[in-house]
Protein backbone atom coordinates (compact mmCIF):
# COMPACT_ATOMS: atom_id res chain seq x y z
CA MET A 1 38.03 -10.88 -77.28
CA LYS A 2 39.08 -14.36 -78.23
CA PRO A 3 39.99 -14.95 -81.90
CA LYS A 4 37.60 -17.05 -83.93
CA SER A 5 38.65 -20.46 -85.14
CA VAL A 6 37.75 -22.29 -88.30
CA GLU A 7 37.25 -26.05 -88.38
CA GLY A 8 39.11 -27.63 -91.28
CA PRO A 9 39.07 -31.25 -92.41
CA HIS A 10 42.21 -32.09 -90.41
CA THR A 11 43.04 -29.09 -88.23
CA THR A 12 41.57 -26.23 -86.31
CA ARG A 13 42.97 -22.90 -87.51
CA ARG A 14 42.81 -19.72 -85.50
CA LEU A 15 41.78 -16.47 -87.15
CA GLY A 16 43.34 -13.44 -85.51
CA SER A 17 45.63 -10.50 -86.12
CA LEU A 18 48.78 -11.05 -88.16
CA LYS A 19 52.20 -9.46 -87.84
CA ASN A 20 53.87 -7.07 -90.28
CA GLY A 21 50.80 -5.03 -91.13
CA ASN A 22 48.79 -7.80 -92.77
CA ARG A 23 45.04 -7.91 -92.31
CA PRO A 24 43.59 -10.37 -89.80
CA GLY A 25 42.36 -13.63 -91.18
CA ASP A 26 43.92 -16.78 -92.49
CA PRO A 27 47.74 -16.41 -92.37
CA ASN A 28 48.09 -18.88 -95.23
CA ALA A 29 46.13 -16.55 -97.50
CA ALA A 30 48.52 -13.61 -96.92
CA PRO A 31 50.55 -12.52 -99.97
CA ARG A 32 54.09 -13.89 -100.04
CA CYS A 33 57.35 -11.95 -100.22
CA GLY A 34 58.78 -13.57 -103.34
CA ALA A 35 62.35 -12.23 -102.89
CA LYS A 36 65.12 -14.42 -104.27
CA THR A 37 66.82 -16.36 -101.45
CA ARG A 38 70.35 -17.77 -101.31
CA GLU A 39 69.04 -21.07 -102.60
CA ALA A 40 67.61 -19.23 -105.68
CA ALA A 41 64.07 -19.99 -104.51
CA SER A 42 61.48 -17.38 -103.69
CA CYS A 43 60.86 -16.34 -100.08
CA GLN A 44 57.60 -17.69 -98.70
CA ALA A 45 57.29 -15.37 -95.68
CA PRO A 46 54.16 -13.20 -95.48
CA ALA A 47 54.67 -9.84 -97.16
CA MET A 48 54.16 -6.40 -95.61
CA PRO A 49 52.11 -3.77 -97.46
CA ASN A 50 55.23 -2.77 -99.44
CA GLY A 51 55.34 -6.24 -101.01
CA ARG A 52 58.34 -7.68 -99.15
CA CYS A 53 58.72 -9.48 -95.84
CA ARG A 54 60.42 -7.99 -92.79
CA LEU A 55 63.69 -9.69 -93.74
CA HIS A 56 63.85 -8.66 -97.39
CA GLY A 57 62.70 -5.07 -97.42
CA GLY A 58 61.84 -3.04 -94.39
CA LYS A 59 60.11 0.29 -94.36
CA SER A 60 63.14 2.59 -94.39
CA THR A 61 64.57 3.76 -97.71
CA GLY A 62 67.12 6.07 -96.12
CA PRO A 63 67.17 9.81 -95.54
CA ARG A 64 65.99 12.07 -98.37
CA THR A 65 66.00 15.59 -96.91
CA ALA A 66 69.14 17.68 -96.48
CA ASP A 67 68.68 17.63 -92.70
CA GLY A 68 68.27 13.84 -92.66
CA LEU A 69 71.30 13.33 -94.88
CA GLU A 70 73.42 15.55 -92.60
CA ARG A 71 72.28 13.64 -89.49
CA CYS A 72 73.16 10.37 -91.21
CA ARG A 73 76.58 11.72 -92.19
CA THR A 74 77.43 12.75 -88.64
CA ALA A 75 75.90 9.71 -86.91
CA ASN A 76 78.91 7.50 -87.60
CA TRP A 77 81.51 10.19 -86.83
CA LYS A 78 84.56 8.69 -85.12
CA HIS A 79 87.40 11.21 -84.80
CA GLY A 80 87.37 13.60 -87.78
CA ARG A 81 91.00 12.96 -88.70
CA TYR A 82 90.11 12.62 -92.38
CA SER A 83 87.35 15.23 -92.55
CA ARG A 84 87.56 17.97 -95.17
CA GLU A 85 88.36 20.56 -92.53
CA ALA A 86 91.17 18.52 -90.93
CA LEU A 87 92.74 17.71 -94.31
CA ALA A 88 92.61 21.38 -95.34
CA GLU A 89 94.20 22.42 -92.03
CA ARG A 90 97.07 19.95 -92.44
CA ARG A 91 97.58 21.03 -96.05
CA GLY A 92 97.81 24.65 -94.91
CA MET A 93 100.30 23.79 -92.17
CA ARG A 94 102.56 21.92 -94.64
CA GLU A 95 102.51 24.90 -96.99
CA MET A 96 103.37 27.28 -94.13
CA LEU A 97 106.27 25.03 -93.05
CA ARG A 98 107.61 24.97 -96.61
CA GLU A 99 107.50 28.77 -96.78
CA CYS A 100 109.24 29.05 -93.38
CA GLY A 101 111.96 26.67 -94.58
CA LYS A 102 112.52 28.75 -97.74
CA PHE A 103 112.63 31.92 -95.63
CA LEU A 104 115.25 30.44 -93.28
CA LYS A 105 117.37 29.23 -96.21
CA SER A 106 117.35 32.72 -97.66
CA PHE A 107 118.84 34.04 -94.38
CA GLN A 108 121.53 31.31 -94.26
CA GLY A 109 122.99 32.59 -97.51
CA LEU A 110 123.39 36.10 -96.05
CA GLY A 111 125.54 35.15 -93.09
């Protein structure tokens, strides 16, 4: 089905489906984003249903559930050198080495 067109005084505008979840119709009548840009002006891109354009506020607000937060935490895992478990293991090894050193020094005094 071909989109309808509207004759204006100077141009012919097409009426069809719009991107970003906006209703079909005149793209110039779509609500605007309004986010503050680097030039301190407001963004004039068409807004999605959440009120912002695709550049200034997408759909995701981040994980909220415990499962989602855990997946997010492990998604960027590199090597685990500084994980809680690895730090605790190294701390335990240092303590054990200190105790071994004290034990050996106690035997040196006996001989």
